[in-house]
Amino acid sequence: MSVDETVESDRGGCPPPEVLEAIGAGMTVDQELASHIKDCPACSRNLREFRKANALLEEAEIGRAHV
């Protein structure tokens, strides 16, 4: 399934959480999806949360590497 197909999911135009999680981890997206995320409060909030979680995981991994 492509990113374009996930935007058309039955979530009212919102991509599924798996796509937002991938974007939070660095996946690039097309302009249409980027615009949707920017304009959608729910997607923006969820993406921020995924990015925060990813940052915490990275910090934990760095901490373990220095033990």
Protein backbone atom coordinates (compact mmCIF):
# COMPACT_ATOMS: atom_id res chain seq x y z
CA MET A 1 0.00 0.00 0.00
CA SER A 2 1.40 3.40 -0.94
CA VAL A 3 1.30 6.53 1.16
CA ASP A 4 -1.29 7.95 -1.26
CA GLU A 5 -3.57 4.98 -0.61
CA THR A 6 -3.24 5.36 3.16
CA VAL A 7 -4.41 8.97 2.96
CA GLU A 8 -7.62 7.71 1.42
CA SER A 9 -8.25 5.32 4.28
CA ASP A 10 -11.54 5.34 6.12
CA ARG A 11 -10.02 7.63 8.77
CA GLY A 12 -11.57 10.69 7.09
CA GLY A 13 -8.47 11.41 5.02
CA CYS A 14 -6.05 10.89 7.90
CA PRO A 15 -3.22 8.39 7.44
CA PRO A 16 -3.14 5.41 9.80
CA PRO A 17 -0.90 5.63 12.86
CA GLU A 18 1.71 3.41 11.20
CA VAL A 19 2.29 6.03 8.51
CA LEU A 20 2.58 8.83 11.05
CA GLU A 21 5.02 6.70 13.02
CA ALA A 22 7.13 6.17 9.88
CA ILE A 23 7.08 9.90 9.16
CA GLY A 24 8.18 10.55 12.74
CA ALA A 25 11.09 8.20 12.12
CA GLY A 26 12.16 10.09 9.00
CA MET A 27 10.06 8.84 6.08
CA THR A 28 9.54 11.56 3.48
CA VAL A 29 6.05 12.30 2.16
CA ASP A 30 4.48 14.05 -0.77
CA GLN A 31 3.19 17.62 -0.54
CA GLU A 32 -0.48 16.58 -0.25
CA LEU A 33 0.14 14.44 2.82
CA ALA A 34 2.47 17.04 4.34
CA SER A 35 -0.25 19.68 3.92
CA HIS A 36 -2.85 17.42 5.49
CA ILE A 37 -0.66 16.76 8.53
CA LYS A 38 0.08 20.47 8.90
CA ASP A 39 -3.63 21.39 8.75
CA CYS A 40 -5.04 18.47 10.77
CA PRO A 41 -4.83 18.99 14.55
CA ALA A 42 -5.12 15.25 15.27
CA CYS A 43 -2.39 14.24 12.81
CA SER A 44 -0.12 17.07 13.95
CA ARG A 45 -0.54 16.05 17.59
CA ASN A 46 0.02 12.36 16.84
CA LEU A 47 3.13 13.10 14.78
CA ARG A 48 4.56 15.23 17.60
CA GLU A 49 3.95 12.37 20.03
CA PHE A 50 5.68 9.85 17.73
CA ARG A 51 8.65 12.20 17.37
CA LYS A 52 8.87 12.63 21.16
CA ALA A 53 8.76 8.86 21.65
CA ASN A 54 11.47 8.36 19.02
CA ALA A 55 13.67 10.96 20.73
CA LEU A 56 13.25 9.20 24.08
CA LEU A 57 14.14 5.85 22.52
CA GLU A 58 17.25 7.35 20.93
CA GLU A 59 18.31 8.83 24.27
CA ALA A 60 17.83 5.45 25.95
CA GLU A 61 19.91 3.71 23.27
CA ILE A 62 22.70 6.27 23.62
CA GLY A 63 22.64 5.82 27.39
CA ARG A 64 22.98 2.04 27.04
CA ALA A 65 25.89 2.43 24.64
CA HIS A 66 27.83 4.36 27.27
CA VAL A 67 27.35 1.78 30.02
